[in-house]
PDB file of N, CA and C in Angstrom:
ATOM      1  N   MET A   1      43.276   0.164 -34.490  1.00  0.00           N
ATOM      2  CA  MET A   1      43.776  -0.371 -33.246  1.00  0.00           C
ATOM      3  C   MET A   1      43.716   0.698 -32.146  1.00  0.00           C
ATOM      4  N   TYR A   2      44.158   1.901 -32.442  1.00  0.00           N
ATOM      5  CA  TYR A   2      44.133   2.977 -31.459  1.00  0.00           C
ATOM      6  C   TYR A   2      42.699   3.250 -31.010  1.00  0.00           C
ATOM      7  N   LEU A   3      41.791   3.308 -31.969  1.00  0.00           N
ATOM      8  CA  LEU A   3      40.398   3.632 -31.635  1.00  0.00           C
ATOM      9  C   LEU A   3      39.751   2.524 -30.811  1.00  0.00           C
ATOM     10  N   SER A   4      40.078   1.281 -31.093  1.00  0.00           N
ATOM     11  CA  SER A   4      39.499   0.186 -30.309  1.00  0.00           C
ATOM     12  C   SER A   4      40.052   0.191 -28.885  1.00  0.00           C
ATOM     13  N   SER A   5      41.348   0.489 -28.728  1.00  0.00           N
ATOM     14  CA  SER A   5      41.897   0.552 -27.370  1.00  0.00           C
ATOM     15  C   SER A   5      41.344   1.769 -26.626  1.00  0.00           C
ATOM     16  N   GLN A   6      41.107   2.870 -27.348  1.00  0.00           N
ATOM     17  CA  GLN A   6      40.492   4.039 -26.725  1.00  0.00           C
ATOM     18  C   GLN A   6      39.078   3.693 -26.248  1.00  0.00           C
ATOM     19  N   PHE A   7      38.331   2.976 -27.075  1.00  0.00           N
ATOM     20  CA  PHE A   7      36.975   2.583 -26.689  1.00  0.00           C
ATOM     21  C   PHE A   7      36.996   1.702 -25.445  1.00  0.00           C
ATOM     22  N   ARG A   8      37.852   0.673 -25.428  1.00  0.00           N
ATOM     23  CA  ARG A   8      37.906  -0.226 -24.273  1.00  0.00           C
ATOM     24  C   ARG A   8      38.287   0.515 -23.001  1.00  0.00           C
ATOM     25  N   ARG A   9      39.254   1.420 -23.106  1.00  0.00           N
ATOM     26  CA  ARG A   9      39.719   2.174 -21.948  1.00  0.00           C
ATOM     27  C   ARG A   9      38.605   3.066 -21.406  1.00  0.00           C
ATOM     28  N   LEU A  10      37.884   3.744 -22.293  1.00  0.00           N
ATOM     29  CA  LEU A  10      36.825   4.652 -21.857  1.00  0.00           C
ATOM     30  C   LEU A  10      35.570   3.915 -21.410  1.00  0.00           C
ATOM     31  N   ALA A  11      35.261   2.810 -22.060  1.00  0.00           N
ATOM     32  CA  ALA A  11      34.038   2.071 -21.732  1.00  0.00           C
ATOM     33  C   ALA A  11      34.075   1.531 -20.303  1.00  0.00           C
ATOM     34  N   THR A  12      35.259   1.151 -19.830  1.00  0.00           N
ATOM     35  CA  THR A  12      35.339   0.629 -18.467  1.00  0.00           C
ATOM     36  C   THR A  12      35.125   1.731 -17.436  1.00  0.00           C
ATOM     37  N   ARG A  13      35.518   2.963 -17.765  1.00  0.00           N
ATOM     38  CA  ARG A  13      35.389   4.062 -16.806  1.00  0.00           C
ATOM     39  C   ARG A  13      34.103   4.850 -16.970  1.00  0.00           C
ATOM     40  N   ARG A  14      33.668   5.083 -18.211  1.00  0.00           N
ATOM     41  CA  ARG A  14      32.560   5.999 -18.475  1.00  0.00           C
ATOM     42  C   ARG A  14      31.287   5.318 -18.972  1.00  0.00           C
ATOM     43  N   GLY A  15      31.396   4.083 -19.429  1.00  0.00           N
ATOM     44  CA  GLY A  15      30.243   3.396 -19.998  1.00  0.00           C
ATOM     45  C   GLY A  15      30.335   3.365 -21.516  1.00  0.00           C
ATOM     46  N   LYS A  16      29.618   2.418 -22.097  1.00  0.00           N
ATOM     47  CA  LYS A  16      29.725   2.200 -23.544  1.00  0.00           C
ATOM     48  C   LYS A  16      29.213   3.374 -24.370  1.00  0.00           C
ATOM     49  N   ASN A  17      28.098   3.961 -23.979  1.00  0.00           N
ATOM     50  CA  ASN A  17      27.533   5.055 -24.773  1.00  0.00           C
ATOM     51  C   ASN A  17      28.459   6.259 -24.838  1.00  0.00           C
ATOM     52  N   ARG A  18      29.032   6.638 -23.714  1.00  0.00           N
ATOM     53  CA  ARG A  18      29.961   7.776 -23.716  1.00  0.00           C
ATOM     54  C   ARG A  18      31.232   7.444 -24.475  1.00  0.00           C
ATOM     55  N   ALA A  19      31.661   6.199 -24.401  1.00  0.00           N
ATOM     56  CA  ALA A  19      32.856   5.792 -25.131  1.00  0.00           C
ATOM     57  C   ALA A  19      32.611   5.863 -26.640  1.00  0.00           C
ATOM     58  N   ILE A  20      31.427   5.478 -27.075  1.00  0.00           N
ATOM     59  CA  ILE A  20      31.087   5.560 -28.503  1.00  0.00           C
ATOM     60  C   ILE A  20      31.131   7.006 -28.977  1.00  0.00           C
ATOM     61  N   ILE A  21      30.579   7.908 -28.191  1.00  0.00           N
ATOM     62  CA  ILE A  21      30.590   9.324 -28.555  1.00  0.00           C
ATOM     63  C   ILE A  21      32.020   9.852 -28.605  1.00  0.00           C
ATOM     64  N   ALA A  22      32.845   9.464 -27.647  1.00  0.00           N
ATOM     65  CA  ALA A  22      34.235   9.926 -27.615  1.00  0.00           C
ATOM     66  C   ALA A  22      35.018   9.419 -28.823  1.00  0.00           C
ATOM     67  N   VAL A  23      34.817   8.159 -29.198  1.00  0.00           N
ATOM     68  CA  VAL A  23      35.514   7.599 -30.360  1.00  0.00           C
ATOM     69  C   VAL A  23      35.011   8.268 -31.642  1.00  0.00           C
ATOM     70  N   ALA A  24      33.715   8.537 -31.717  1.00  0.00           N
ATOM     71  CA  ALA A  24      33.179   9.239 -32.889  1.00  0.00           C
ATOM     72  C   ALA A  24      33.786  10.635 -32.995  1.00  0.00           C
ATOM     73  N   HIS A  25      33.939  11.314 -31.881  1.00  0.00           N
ATOM     74  CA  HIS A  25      34.571  12.636 -31.878  1.00  0.00           C
ATOM     75  C   HIS A  25      36.016  12.527 -32.349  1.00  0.00           C
ATOM     76  N   THR A  26      36.722  11.519 -31.892  1.00  0.00           N
ATOM     77  CA  THR A  26      38.104  11.317 -32.311  1.00  0.00           C
ATOM     78  C   THR A  26      38.177  11.082 -33.815  1.00  0.00           C
ATOM     79  N   LEU A  27      37.239  10.303 -34.351  1.00  0.00           N
ATOM     80  CA  LEU A  27      37.216  10.069 -35.797  1.00  0.00           C
ATOM     81  C   LEU A  27      37.005  11.361 -36.575  1.00  0.00           C
ATOM     82  N   ILE A  28      36.132  12.220 -36.076  1.00  0.00           N
ATOM     83  CA  ILE A  28      35.885  13.506 -36.738  1.00  0.00           C
ATOM     84  C   ILE A  28      37.141  14.375 -36.705  1.00  0.00           C
ATOM     85  N   VAL A  29      37.818  14.400 -35.566  1.00  0.00           N
ATOM     86  CA  VAL A  29      39.045  15.188 -35.441  1.00  0.00           C
ATOM     87  C   VAL A  29      40.124  14.653 -36.378  1.00  0.00           C
ATOM     88  N   ILE A  30      40.261  13.326 -36.462  1.00  0.00           N
ATOM     89  CA  ILE A  30      41.251  12.715 -37.364  1.00  0.00           C
ATOM     90  C   ILE A  30      40.926  13.065 -38.810  1.00  0.00           C
ATOM     91  N   ALA A  31      39.666  12.926 -39.198  1.00  0.00           N
ATOM     92  CA  ALA A  31      39.267  13.219 -40.572  1.00  0.00           C
ATOM     93  C   ALA A  31      39.518  14.689 -40.912  1.00  0.00           C
ATOM     94  N   ASP A  32      39.214  15.577 -39.988  1.00  0.00           N
ATOM     95  CA  ASP A  32      39.440  16.999 -40.212  1.00  0.00           C
ATOM     96  C   ASP A  32      40.932  17.294 -40.364  1.00  0.00           C
ATOM     97  N   HIS A  33      41.726  16.703 -39.509  1.00  0.00           N
ATOM     98  CA  HIS A  33      43.178  16.906 -39.572  1.00  0.00           C
ATOM     99  C   HIS A  33      43.750  16.380 -40.889  1.00  0.00           C
ATOM    100  N   LEU A  34      43.308  15.199 -41.293  1.00  0.00           N
ATOM    101  CA  LEU A  34      43.803  14.618 -42.547  1.00  0.00           C
ATOM    102  C   LEU A  34      43.396  15.454 -43.751  1.00  0.00           C
ATOM    103  N   GLN A  35      42.194  15.972 -43.708  1.00  0.00           N
ATOM    104  CA  GLN A  35      41.704  16.778 -44.823  1.00  0.00           C
ATOM    105  C   GLN A  35      42.449  18.109 -44.919  1.00  0.00           C
ATOM    106  N   LYS A  36      42.706  18.734 -43.788  1.00  0.00           N
ATOM    107  CA  LYS A  36      43.400  20.025 -43.791  1.00  0.00           C
ATOM    108  C   LYS A  36      44.862  19.886 -44.218  1.00  0.00           C
ATOM    109  N   ASN A  37      45.531  18.847 -43.728  1.00  0.00           N
ATOM    110  CA  ASN A  37      46.971  18.707 -43.948  1.00  0.00           C
ATOM    111  C   ASN A  37      47.344  17.785 -45.108  1.00  0.00           C
ATOM    112  N   LYS A  38      46.363  17.142 -45.716  1.00  0.00           N
ATOM    113  CA  LYS A  38      46.601  16.221 -46.831  1.00  0.00           C
ATOM    114  C   LYS A  38      47.647  15.161 -46.468  1.00  0.00           C
ATOM    115  N   ASN A  39      47.519  14.588 -45.268  1.00  0.00           N
ATOM    116  CA  ASN A  39      48.444  13.568 -44.778  1.00  0.00           C
ATOM    117  C   ASN A  39      47.808  12.187 -44.835  1.00  0.00           C
ATOM    118  N   ASN A  40      48.652  11.170 -44.695  1.00  0.00           N
ATOM    119  CA  ASN A  40      48.176   9.811 -44.492  1.00  0.00           C
ATOM    120  C   ASN A  40      48.018   9.576 -42.999  1.00  0.00           C
ATOM    121  N   CYS A  41      47.191   8.620 -42.643  1.00  0.00           N
ATOM    122  CA  CYS A  41      46.931   8.313 -41.239  1.00  0.00           C
ATOM    123  C   CYS A  41      47.907   7.235 -40.764  1.00  0.00           C
ATOM    124  N   ASP A  42      48.625   7.502 -39.685  1.00  0.00           N
ATOM    125  CA  ASP A  42      49.510   6.523 -39.063  1.00  0.00           C
ATOM    126  C   ASP A  42      48.877   6.068 -37.757  1.00  0.00           C
ATOM    127  N   ASP A  43      48.574   4.765 -37.675  1.00  0.00           N
ATOM    128  CA  ASP A  43      47.942   4.219 -36.482  1.00  0.00           C
ATOM    129  C   ASP A  43      48.968   4.139 -35.351  1.00  0.00           C
ATOM    130  N   LEU A  44      48.584   4.573 -34.162  1.00  0.00           N
ATOM    131  CA  LEU A  44      49.480   4.547 -33.013  1.00  0.00           C
ATOM    132  C   LEU A  44      49.605   3.157 -32.426  1.00  0.00           C
ATOM    133  N   GLY A  45      48.669   2.287 -32.704  1.00  0.00           N
ATOM    134  CA  GLY A  45      48.728   0.912 -32.215  1.00  0.00           C
ATOM    135  C   GLY A  45      47.849   0.698 -30.996  1.00  0.00           C
ATOM    136  N   GLY A  46      47.517  -0.543 -30.781  1.00  0.00           N
ATOM    137  CA  GLY A  46      46.628  -0.906 -29.685  1.00  0.00           C
ATOM    138  C   GLY A  46      47.256  -0.794 -28.311  1.00  0.00           C
ATOM    139  N   THR A  47      48.581  -0.755 -28.243  1.00  0.00           N
ATOM    140  CA  THR A  47      49.264  -0.663 -26.951  1.00  0.00           C
ATOM    141  C   THR A  47      49.735   0.761 -26.652  1.00  0.00           C
ATOM    142  N   TYR A  48      49.238   1.732 -27.396  1.00  0.00           N
ATOM    143  CA  TYR A  48      49.683   3.118 -27.234  1.00  0.00           C
ATOM    144  C   TYR A  48      49.481   3.624 -25.809  1.00  0.00           C
ATOM    145  N   PHE A  49      48.301   3.440 -25.254  1.00  0.00           N
ATOM    146  CA  PHE A  49      48.021   3.946 -23.914  1.00  0.00           C
ATOM    147  C   PHE A  49      48.842   3.214 -22.863  1.00  0.00           C
ATOM    148  N   ASP A  50      49.090   1.918 -23.064  1.00  0.00           N
ATOM    149  CA  ASP A  50      49.925   1.172 -22.136  1.00  0.00           C
ATOM    150  C   ASP A  50      51.363   1.680 -22.165  1.00  0.00           C
ATOM    151  N   ARG A  51      51.846   2.055 -23.338  1.00  0.00           N
ATOM    152  CA  ARG A  51      53.228   2.538 -23.459  1.00  0.00           C
ATOM    153  C   ARG A  51      53.405   3.908 -22.807  1.00  0.00           C
ATOM    154  N   ILE A  52      52.449   4.792 -22.990  1.00  0.00           N
ATOM    155  CA  ILE A  52      52.640   6.140 -22.454  1.00  0.00           C
ATOM    156  C   ILE A  52      52.314   6.229 -20.967  1.00  0.00           C
ATOM    157  N   HIS A  53      51.563   5.294 -20.442  1.00  0.00           N
ATOM    158  CA  HIS A  53      51.204   5.298 -19.020  1.00  0.00           C
ATOM    159  C   HIS A  53      51.693   4.026 -18.331  1.00  0.00           C
ATOM    160  N   SER A  54      52.903   3.590 -18.639  1.00  0.00           N
ATOM    161  CA  SER A  54      53.374   2.298 -18.138  1.00  0.00           C
ATOM    162  C   SER A  54      53.522   2.287 -16.616  1.00  0.00           C
ATOM    163  N   LYS A  55      54.014   3.372 -16.024  1.00  0.00           N
ATOM    164  CA  LYS A  55      54.183   3.394 -14.562  1.00  0.00           C
ATOM    165  C   LYS A  55      52.836   3.321 -13.854  1.00  0.00           C
ATOM    166  N   GLY A  56      51.883   4.086 -14.317  1.00  0.00           N
ATOM    167  CA  GLY A  56      50.555   4.060 -13.712  1.00  0.00           C
ATOM    168  C   GLY A  56      49.870   2.718 -13.899  1.00  0.00           C
ATOM    169  N   LEU A  57      50.072   2.101 -15.052  1.00  0.00           N
ATOM    170  CA  LEU A  57      49.480   0.791 -15.315  1.00  0.00           C
ATOM    171  C   LEU A  57      50.076  -0.265 -14.388  1.00  0.00           C
ATOM    172  N   LYS A  58      51.389  -0.226 -14.184  1.00  0.00           N
ATOM    173  CA  LYS A  58      52.030  -1.167 -13.254  1.00  0.00           C
ATOM    174  C   LYS A  58      51.458  -0.999 -11.855  1.00  0.00           C
ATOM    175  N   ARG A  59      51.364   0.248 -11.409  1.00  0.00           N
ATOM    176  CA  ARG A  59      50.845   0.534 -10.074  1.00  0.00           C
ATOM    177  C   ARG A  59      49.412   0.016  -9.927  1.00  0.00           C
ATOM    178  N   TYR A  60      48.581   0.245 -10.940  1.00  0.00           N
ATOM    179  CA  TYR A  60      47.187  -0.193 -10.912  1.00  0.00           C
ATOM    180  C   TYR A  60      47.089  -1.717 -10.862  1.00  0.00           C
ATOM    181  N   LEU A  61      47.868  -2.394 -11.696  1.00  0.00           N
ATOM    182  CA  LEU A  61      47.783  -3.853 -11.748  1.00  0.00           C
ATOM    183  C   LEU A  61      48.298  -4.499 -10.462  1.00  0.00           C
ATOM    184  N   VAL A  62      49.366  -3.955  -9.886  1.00  0.00           N
ATOM    185  CA  VAL A  62      49.879  -4.473  -8.615  1.00  0.00           C
ATOM    186  C   VAL A  62      48.828  -4.293  -7.529  1.00  0.00           C
ATOM    187  N   LYS A  63      48.217  -3.120  -7.483  1.00  0.00           N
ATOM    188  CA  LYS A  63      47.184  -2.851  -6.486  1.00  0.00           C
ATOM    189  C   LYS A  63      46.005  -3.807  -6.627  1.00  0.00           C
ATOM    190  N   ARG A  64      45.583  -4.069  -7.878  1.00  0.00           N
ATOM    191  CA  ARG A  64      44.458  -4.990  -8.114  1.00  0.00           C
ATOM    192  C   ARG A  64      44.799  -6.410  -7.653  1.00  0.00           C
ATOM    193  N   LEU A  65      46.016  -6.860  -7.947  1.00  0.00           N
ATOM    194  CA  LEU A  65      46.416  -8.201  -7.511  1.00  0.00           C
ATOM    195  C   LEU A  65      46.487  -8.284  -5.990  1.00  0.00           C
ATOM    196  N   GLN A  66      46.965  -7.230  -5.343  1.00  0.00           N
ATOM    197  CA  GLN A  66      47.018  -7.220  -3.885  1.00  0.00           C
ATOM    198  C   GLN A  66      45.617  -7.239  -3.290  1.00  0.00           C
ATOM    199  N   GLN A  67      44.679  -6.554  -3.914  1.00  0.00           N
ATOM    200  CA  GLN A  67      43.298  -6.567  -3.441  1.00  0.00           C
ATOM    201  C   GLN A  67      42.676  -7.950  -3.574  1.00  0.00           C
ATOM    202  N   LEU A  68      43.169  -8.728  -4.539  1.00  0.00           N
ATOM    203  CA  LEU A  68      42.667 -10.089  -4.733  1.00  0.00           C
ATOM    204  C   LEU A  68      43.384 -11.102  -3.840  1.00  0.00           C
ATOM    205  N   GLY A  69      44.300 -10.615  -2.986  1.00  0.00           N
ATOM    206  CA  GLY A  69      44.951 -11.487  -2.022  1.00  0.00           C
ATOM    207  C   GLY A  69      46.270 -12.070  -2.477  1.00  0.00           C
ATOM    208  N   HIS A  70      46.939 -11.457  -3.423  1.00  0.00           N
ATOM    209  CA  HIS A  70      48.224 -11.947  -3.914  1.00  0.00           C
ATOM    210  C   HIS A  70      49.350 -11.052  -3.422  1.00  0.00           C
ATOM    211  N   LYS A  71      50.499 -11.675  -3.178  1.00  0.00           N
ATOM    212  CA  LYS A  71      51.698 -10.922  -2.852  1.00  0.00           C
ATOM    213  C   LYS A  71      52.444 -10.691  -4.160  1.00  0.00           C
ATOM    214  N   VAL A  72      52.799  -9.452  -4.427  1.00  0.00           N
ATOM    215  CA  VAL A  72      53.369  -9.099  -5.730  1.00  0.00           C
ATOM    216  C   VAL A  72      54.774  -8.541  -5.536  1.00  0.00           C
ATOM    217  N   ALA A  73      55.719  -9.074  -6.326  1.00  0.00           N
ATOM    218  CA  ALA A  73      57.082  -8.552  -6.366  1.00  0.00           C
ATOM    219  C   ALA A  73      57.459  -8.410  -7.829  1.00  0.00           C
ATOM    220  N   LEU A  74      57.756  -7.197  -8.272  1.00  0.00           N
ATOM    221  CA  LEU A  74      58.106  -6.966  -9.657  1.00  0.00           C
ATOM    222  C   LEU A  74      59.613  -7.071  -9.841  1.00  0.00           C
ATOM    223  N   GLU A  75      60.016  -7.822 -10.846  1.00  0.00           N
ATOM    224  CA  GLU A  75      61.426  -7.962 -11.209  1.00  0.00           C
ATOM    225  C   GLU A  75      61.562  -7.692 -12.683  1.00  0.00           C
ATOM    226  N   PRO A  76      62.567  -6.915 -13.090  1.00  0.00           N
ATOM    227  CA  PRO A  76      62.736  -6.649 -14.524  1.00  0.00           C
ATOM    228  C   PRO A  76      63.145  -7.919 -15.273  1.00  0.00           C
ATOM    229  N   MET A  77      62.628  -8.037 -16.492  1.00  0.00           N
ATOM    230  CA  MET A  77      62.972  -9.187 -17.335  1.00  0.00           C
ATOM    231  C   MET A  77      64.318  -8.942 -18.006  1.00  0.00           C
ATOM    232  N   GLU A  78      64.961 -10.039 -18.386  1.00  0.00           N
ATOM    233  CA  GLU A  78      66.210  -9.911 -19.132  1.00  0.00           C
ATOM    234  C   GLU A  78      65.900  -9.367 -20.522  1.00  0.00           C
ATOM    235  N   ALA A  79      66.799  -8.582 -21.056  1.00  0.00           N
ATOM    236  CA  ALA A  79      66.625  -8.019 -22.385  1.00  0.00           C
ATOM    237  C   ALA A  79      66.675  -9.140 -23.414  1.00  0.00           C
ATOM    238  N   PRO A  80      65.781  -9.120 -24.414  1.00  0.00           N
ATOM    239  CA  PRO A  80      65.814 -10.153 -25.451  1.00  0.00           C
ATOM    240  C   PRO A  80      67.078 -10.022 -26.300  1.00  0.00           C
ATOM    241  N   ASN A  81      67.562 -11.166 -26.763  1.00  0.00           N
ATOM    242  CA  ASN A  81      68.797 -11.175 -27.565  1.00  0.00           C
ATOM    243  C   ASN A  81      68.567 -10.693 -28.956  1.00  0.00           C
TER     244      ASN A  81
END
């Protein structure tokens, strides 16, 4: 999941070929780390980048909607029970 979200994020900015190389490099780094430390791999999840960059993502999405001609007002949702 992490690698697929990394690919999608990079492919939109850098292109598919560079994204493939970056993901392959990440796989090599993960394999090396696992081999050296004898650990199991814990997937960060497909929403990892959205979670760590939530403020920037909100700003980007609001800006994109405004560019498309929408008026945007963000309101926090109620906490789930």
